[in-house]
Amino acid sequence: MNDNDLKNTSRTNWTALESMSDDDIDYSDIPPLTDDFFEKAVLRVPSAQAQNLVQLDPDVIAWFQAQSGEYKTLINSVLRRHIENASNKQTA
């Protein structure tokens, strides 16, 4: 979250939203959850984050910082994807 996020005001009409019942909500545009969906679904349970010191080359960290304000999360997801791909290659 950055400073701009904190300055934005919600345009949601909270009073109208809170007065709605479940019967007032139109779910028709939500696709059904099929068995195929659940076969492909992956459960990701957040775990406690380990605090580690990893030394990265300055150009590597600069590249990640340029991609996203959440560069640490991006680095973590890239590393996780690498682990998953390596695991898939070992089982194939």
Protein backbone atom coordinates (compact mmCIF):
# COMPACT_ATOMS: atom_id res chain seq x y z
CA MET A 1 0.00 0.00 0.00
CA ASN A 2 1.34 3.44 -0.80
CA ASP A 3 0.42 7.00 0.20
CA ASN A 4 -1.92 7.39 -2.80
CA ASP A 5 -3.98 4.41 -1.63
CA LEU A 6 -4.48 6.04 1.74
CA LYS A 7 -5.68 9.31 0.19
CA ASN A 8 -8.33 7.71 -2.05
CA THR A 9 -11.87 7.74 -0.72
CA SER A 10 -14.16 4.86 -1.38
CA ARG A 11 -17.01 5.56 -3.80
CA THR A 12 -18.91 2.57 -2.46
CA ASN A 13 -22.35 3.33 -1.09
CA TRP A 14 -21.84 1.40 2.15
CA THR A 15 -25.32 2.17 3.48
CA ALA A 16 -26.97 0.67 0.40
CA LEU A 17 -24.59 -2.30 0.44
CA GLU A 18 -25.24 -3.07 4.11
CA SER A 19 -29.00 -2.90 3.58
CA MET A 20 -28.85 -5.59 0.85
CA SER A 21 -29.76 -9.17 1.61
CA ASP A 22 -28.26 -12.22 -0.11
CA ASP A 23 -31.39 -12.40 -2.29
CA ASP A 24 -30.59 -8.95 -3.73
CA ILE A 25 -27.22 -10.03 -5.15
CA ASP A 26 -27.12 -11.17 -8.78
CA TYR A 27 -24.79 -14.17 -9.05
CA SER A 28 -25.73 -15.00 -12.66
CA ASP A 29 -22.42 -13.82 -14.14
CA ILE A 30 -20.32 -16.04 -11.87
CA PRO A 31 -19.40 -19.32 -13.59
CA PRO A 32 -20.21 -22.51 -11.71
CA LEU A 33 -17.39 -24.30 -9.89
CA THR A 34 -17.01 -27.60 -11.74
CA ASP A 35 -15.13 -30.76 -10.83
CA ASP A 36 -12.51 -29.71 -13.42
CA PHE A 37 -11.93 -26.49 -11.49
CA PHE A 38 -11.32 -28.38 -8.26
CA GLU A 39 -9.01 -30.91 -9.96
CA LYS A 40 -6.77 -28.05 -11.12
CA ALA A 41 -7.11 -25.91 -7.97
CA VAL A 42 -4.10 -25.53 -5.69
CA LEU A 43 -4.59 -24.81 -2.01
CA ARG A 44 -2.11 -22.25 -0.74
CA VAL A 45 -2.11 -21.79 3.00
CA PRO A 46 -0.06 -18.83 4.17
CA SER A 47 2.77 -19.90 6.39
CA ALA A 48 4.90 -17.97 8.78
CA GLN A 49 7.50 -15.98 6.92
CA ALA A 50 11.11 -16.84 7.66
CA GLN A 51 13.28 -13.80 8.06
CA ASN A 52 16.44 -14.42 6.07
CA LEU A 53 19.20 -12.23 4.84
CA VAL A 54 19.87 -12.88 1.17
CA GLN A 55 22.49 -10.89 -0.63
CA LEU A 56 21.44 -9.88 -4.14
CA ASP A 57 23.47 -8.09 -6.76
CA PRO A 58 22.53 -4.40 -6.98
CA ASP A 59 21.30 -4.71 -10.58
CA VAL A 60 19.06 -7.67 -9.65
CA ILE A 61 17.39 -5.82 -6.76
CA ALA A 62 17.04 -2.68 -8.90
CA TRP A 63 15.27 -4.69 -11.61
CA PHE A 64 12.78 -6.18 -9.14
CA GLN A 65 12.15 -2.81 -7.51
CA ALA A 66 11.43 -1.33 -10.95
CA GLN A 67 8.80 -4.04 -11.61
CA SER A 68 6.64 -3.53 -8.58
CA GLY A 69 6.36 -1.64 -5.33
CA GLU A 70 5.96 -5.08 -3.73
CA TYR A 71 9.32 -6.26 -5.02
CA LYS A 72 9.96 -8.62 -2.07
CA THR A 73 6.71 -10.45 -2.80
CA LEU A 74 7.67 -10.61 -6.48
CA ILE A 75 11.09 -12.09 -5.65
CA ASN A 76 9.40 -14.67 -3.43
CA SER A 77 6.91 -15.66 -6.15
CA VAL A 78 9.69 -16.00 -8.76
CA LEU A 79 11.67 -18.25 -6.42
CA ARG A 80 8.55 -20.29 -5.61
CA ARG A 81 7.78 -20.75 -9.32
CA HIS A 82 11.37 -21.91 -9.89
CA ILE A 83 11.03 -24.50 -7.11
CA GLU A 84 7.70 -25.76 -8.50
CA ASN A 85 9.11 -26.03 -12.04
CA ALA A 86 12.19 -27.86 -10.77
CA SER A 87 9.98 -30.25 -8.78
CA ASN A 88 7.79 -30.91 -11.84
CA LYS A 89 10.87 -31.73 -13.95
CA GLN A 90 12.08 -34.24 -11.36
CA THR A 91 8.75 -36.10 -11.30
CA ALA A 92 8.39 -36.14 -15.10
